[in-house]
Amino acid sequence: MALGLNTVHLAGWLAVWFATHLASRLNGRIASISGIL
């Protein structure tokens, strides 16, 4: 049970990290596009 919860916690942490990483990359791309425009 503890191992399953730990796996779910790790998956959730990775999902949050990936979402924030993707958002920061998208923000940088949008900023560069608006800078060009």
C-alpha atoms as a PDB file:
ATOM      1  CA  MET A   1       0.000   0.000   0.000  1.00  0.00           C
ATOM      2  CA  ALA A   2       2.739   2.426   0.942  1.00  0.00           C
ATOM      3  CA  LEU A   3       4.622   1.612  -2.245  1.00  0.00           C
ATOM      4  CA  GLY A   4       1.503   2.256  -4.340  1.00  0.00           C
ATOM      5  CA  LEU A   5       0.903   5.597  -2.615  1.00  0.00           C
ATOM      6  CA  ASN A   6       4.564   6.504  -3.098  1.00  0.00           C
ATOM      7  CA  THR A   7       4.304   5.709  -6.815  1.00  0.00           C
ATOM      8  CA  VAL A   8       1.152   7.829  -7.137  1.00  0.00           C
ATOM      9  CA  HIS A   9       2.874  10.670  -5.267  1.00  0.00           C
ATOM     10  CA  LEU A  10       5.914  10.446  -7.537  1.00  0.00           C
ATOM     11  CA  ALA A  11       3.733  10.378 -10.657  1.00  0.00           C
ATOM     12  CA  GLY A  12       1.813  13.433  -9.428  1.00  0.00           C
ATOM     13  CA  TRP A  13       5.065  15.291  -8.661  1.00  0.00           C
ATOM     14  CA  LEU A  14       6.412  14.482 -12.133  1.00  0.00           C
ATOM     15  CA  ALA A  15       3.146  15.631 -13.722  1.00  0.00           C
ATOM     16  CA  VAL A  16       3.319  18.935 -11.841  1.00  0.00           C
ATOM     17  CA  TRP A  17       6.992  19.426 -12.787  1.00  0.00           C
ATOM     18  CA  PHE A  18       6.286  18.621 -16.425  1.00  0.00           C
ATOM     19  CA  ALA A  19       3.299  20.994 -16.498  1.00  0.00           C
ATOM     20  CA  THR A  20       5.312  23.871 -15.001  1.00  0.00           C
ATOM     21  CA  HIS A  21       8.252  23.143 -17.313  1.00  0.00           C
ATOM     22  CA  LEU A  22       5.961  23.101 -20.348  1.00  0.00           C
ATOM     23  CA  ALA A  23       4.208  26.292 -19.202  1.00  0.00           C
ATOM     24  CA  SER A  24       7.516  28.125 -18.770  1.00  0.00           C
ATOM     25  CA  ARG A  25       8.635  27.023 -22.246  1.00  0.00           C
ATOM     26  CA  LEU A  26       5.305  28.146 -23.722  1.00  0.00           C
ATOM     27  CA  ASN A  27       5.578  31.491 -21.916  1.00  0.00           C
ATOM     28  CA  GLY A  28       9.084  31.985 -23.306  1.00  0.00           C
ATOM     29  CA  ARG A  29       7.900  31.138 -26.822  1.00  0.00           C
ATOM     30  CA  ILE A  30       4.913  33.489 -26.548  1.00  0.00           C
ATOM     31  CA  ALA A  31       7.195  36.244 -25.208  1.00  0.00           C
ATOM     32  CA  SER A  32       9.628  35.800 -28.115  1.00  0.00           C
ATOM     33  CA  ILE A  33       6.768  35.803 -30.636  1.00  0.00           C
ATOM     34  CA  SER A  34       5.231  38.961 -29.148  1.00  0.00           C
ATOM     35  CA  GLY A  35       8.745  40.469 -29.069  1.00  0.00           C
ATOM     36  CA  ILE A  36       9.068  39.811 -32.808  1.00  0.00           C
ATOM     37  CA  LEU A  37       5.606  41.231 -33.449  1.00  0.00           C
END
